[in-house]
């Protein structure tokens, strides 16, 4: 079952990259050139969106895995729930810090518009 979900996940990721992101990039270039502006503004906006979307998705997957592992640990040994809670909160904070760094990079990129 896990292999099937993994194949579906990567199939959706490839479909999304090829079917959604590629046309957006192409149309962003065309509309920027038609408006008489430079095409770098559209590329910077797309880059800011991608810079924020990829780490946010990765952070969500990582937080889900961390929570799953902590809940499995509590289910196996309920007496260790206090220690696992501290470890879980620390790991979730570190995972979220990576997403916050991506947000700062996206703000920096969008400031160049």
Protein backbone atom coordinates (compact mmCIF):
# COMPACT_ATOMS: atom_id res chain seq x y z
CA UNK A 1 0.00 0.00 0.00
CA UNK A 2 2.83 2.37 0.85
CA UNK A 3 4.52 1.77 -2.50
CA UNK A 4 1.27 2.57 -4.29
CA UNK A 5 0.89 5.82 -2.34
CA UNK A 6 4.49 6.73 -3.11
CA UNK A 7 3.92 6.16 -6.83
CA UNK A 8 0.73 8.22 -6.72
CA UNK A 9 2.54 11.01 -4.88
CA UNK A 10 5.34 11.24 -7.43
CA UNK A 11 2.90 10.89 -10.31
CA UNK A 12 0.92 13.83 -8.99
CA UNK A 13 4.11 15.83 -8.43
CA UNK A 14 5.23 15.27 -12.02
CA UNK A 15 1.76 16.06 -13.34
CA UNK A 16 1.68 19.26 -11.31
CA UNK A 17 5.16 20.31 -12.46
CA UNK A 18 4.50 19.60 -16.12
CA UNK A 19 0.86 20.50 -16.37
CA UNK A 20 0.56 23.50 -14.09
CA UNK A 21 3.90 25.18 -13.53
CA UNK A 22 5.27 25.02 -17.09
CA UNK A 23 2.29 26.79 -18.72
CA UNK A 24 2.28 29.43 -16.00
CA UNK A 25 5.93 30.19 -16.72
CA UNK A 26 5.26 30.40 -20.46
CA UNK A 27 2.28 32.72 -20.09
CA UNK A 28 4.12 34.90 -17.58
CA UNK A 29 6.85 35.53 -20.14
CA UNK A 30 4.33 36.33 -22.90
CA UNK A 31 2.28 38.75 -20.82
CA UNK A 32 5.37 40.57 -19.56
CA UNK A 33 6.66 41.05 -23.09
CA UNK A 34 3.23 42.13 -24.37
CA UNK A 35 2.93 44.74 -21.62
CA UNK A 36 6.23 46.24 -22.68
CA UNK A 37 7.95 45.39 -19.44
CA UNK A 38 10.91 43.19 -18.84
CA UNK A 39 10.30 39.50 -18.38
CA UNK A 40 12.38 39.28 -15.20
CA UNK A 41 9.54 40.59 -13.00
CA UNK A 42 7.29 37.67 -13.87
CA UNK A 43 10.13 35.22 -13.37
CA UNK A 44 10.92 36.70 -9.96
CA UNK A 45 7.26 36.40 -8.91
CA UNK A 46 7.13 32.77 -10.03
CA UNK A 47 10.44 32.05 -8.28
CA UNK A 48 9.12 33.58 -5.04
CA UNK A 49 6.03 31.37 -5.23
CA UNK A 50 8.07 28.24 -5.89
CA UNK A 51 10.60 29.11 -3.16
CA UNK A 52 7.73 29.25 -0.68
CA UNK A 53 5.67 26.31 -1.97
CA UNK A 54 8.35 23.61 -1.99
CA UNK A 55 9.58 24.09 1.61
CA UNK A 56 6.02 24.49 2.86
CA UNK A 57 5.07 21.15 1.33
CA UNK A 58 8.23 19.52 2.65
CA UNK A 59 7.65 20.99 6.10
CA UNK A 60 4.10 19.70 6.15
CA UNK A 61 5.25 16.21 5.20
CA UNK A 62 7.99 16.33 7.81
CA UNK A 63 5.65 17.51 10.54
CA UNK A 64 3.19 14.78 9.66
CA UNK A 65 5.91 12.14 9.86
CA UNK A 66 7.15 13.52 13.19
CA UNK A 67 3.66 13.52 14.68
CA UNK A 68 3.01 9.99 13.40
CA UNK A 69 6.23 8.71 14.94
CA UNK A 70 5.50 10.40 18.27
CA UNK A 71 1.99 8.98 18.40
CA UNK A 72 3.31 5.51 17.60
CA UNK A 73 5.84 5.88 20.41
CA UNK A 74 3.15 6.92 22.89
CA UNK A 75 0.97 4.04 21.76
CA UNK A 76 3.78 1.56 22.39
CA UNK A 77 4.93 3.07 25.69
CA UNK A 78 2.46 5.46 27.36
CA UNK A 79 4.88 6.15 30.22
CA UNK A 80 7.29 7.89 27.82
CA UNK A 81 4.74 10.47 26.65
CA UNK A 82 6.35 13.33 28.61
CA UNK A 83 9.77 12.80 27.06
CA UNK A 84 8.30 12.30 23.60
CA UNK A 85 6.26 15.49 23.85
CA UNK A 86 9.36 17.59 24.50
CA UNK A 87 11.22 15.95 21.63
CA UNK A 88 8.22 16.37 19.34
CA UNK A 89 7.80 20.08 20.08
CA UNK A 90 11.52 20.69 19.54
CA UNK A 91 11.54 18.85 16.22
CA UNK A 92 8.38 20.61 15.01
CA UNK A 93 9.95 23.98 15.85
CA UNK A 94 13.07 23.12 13.87
CA UNK A 95 11.04 21.92 10.91
CA UNK A 96 8.94 25.08 10.96
CA UNK A 97 12.06 27.27 11.11
CA UNK A 98 13.05 26.03 7.65
CA UNK A 99 9.68 27.11 6.29
CA UNK A 100 10.10 30.53 7.93
CA UNK A 101 13.50 30.91 6.24
CA UNK A 102 11.82 30.14 2.91
CA UNK A 103 9.21 32.79 3.67
CA UNK A 104 11.94 35.34 4.29
CA UNK A 105 13.60 34.43 1.00
CA UNK A 106 10.27 34.78 -0.81
CA UNK A 107 9.77 38.23 0.75
CA UNK A 108 13.28 39.19 -0.36
CA UNK A 109 12.55 38.03 -3.90
CA UNK A 110 9.19 39.79 -4.01
CA UNK A 111 10.87 42.99 -2.82
CA UNK A 112 12.81 42.99 -6.09
CA UNK A 113 9.62 43.40 -8.08
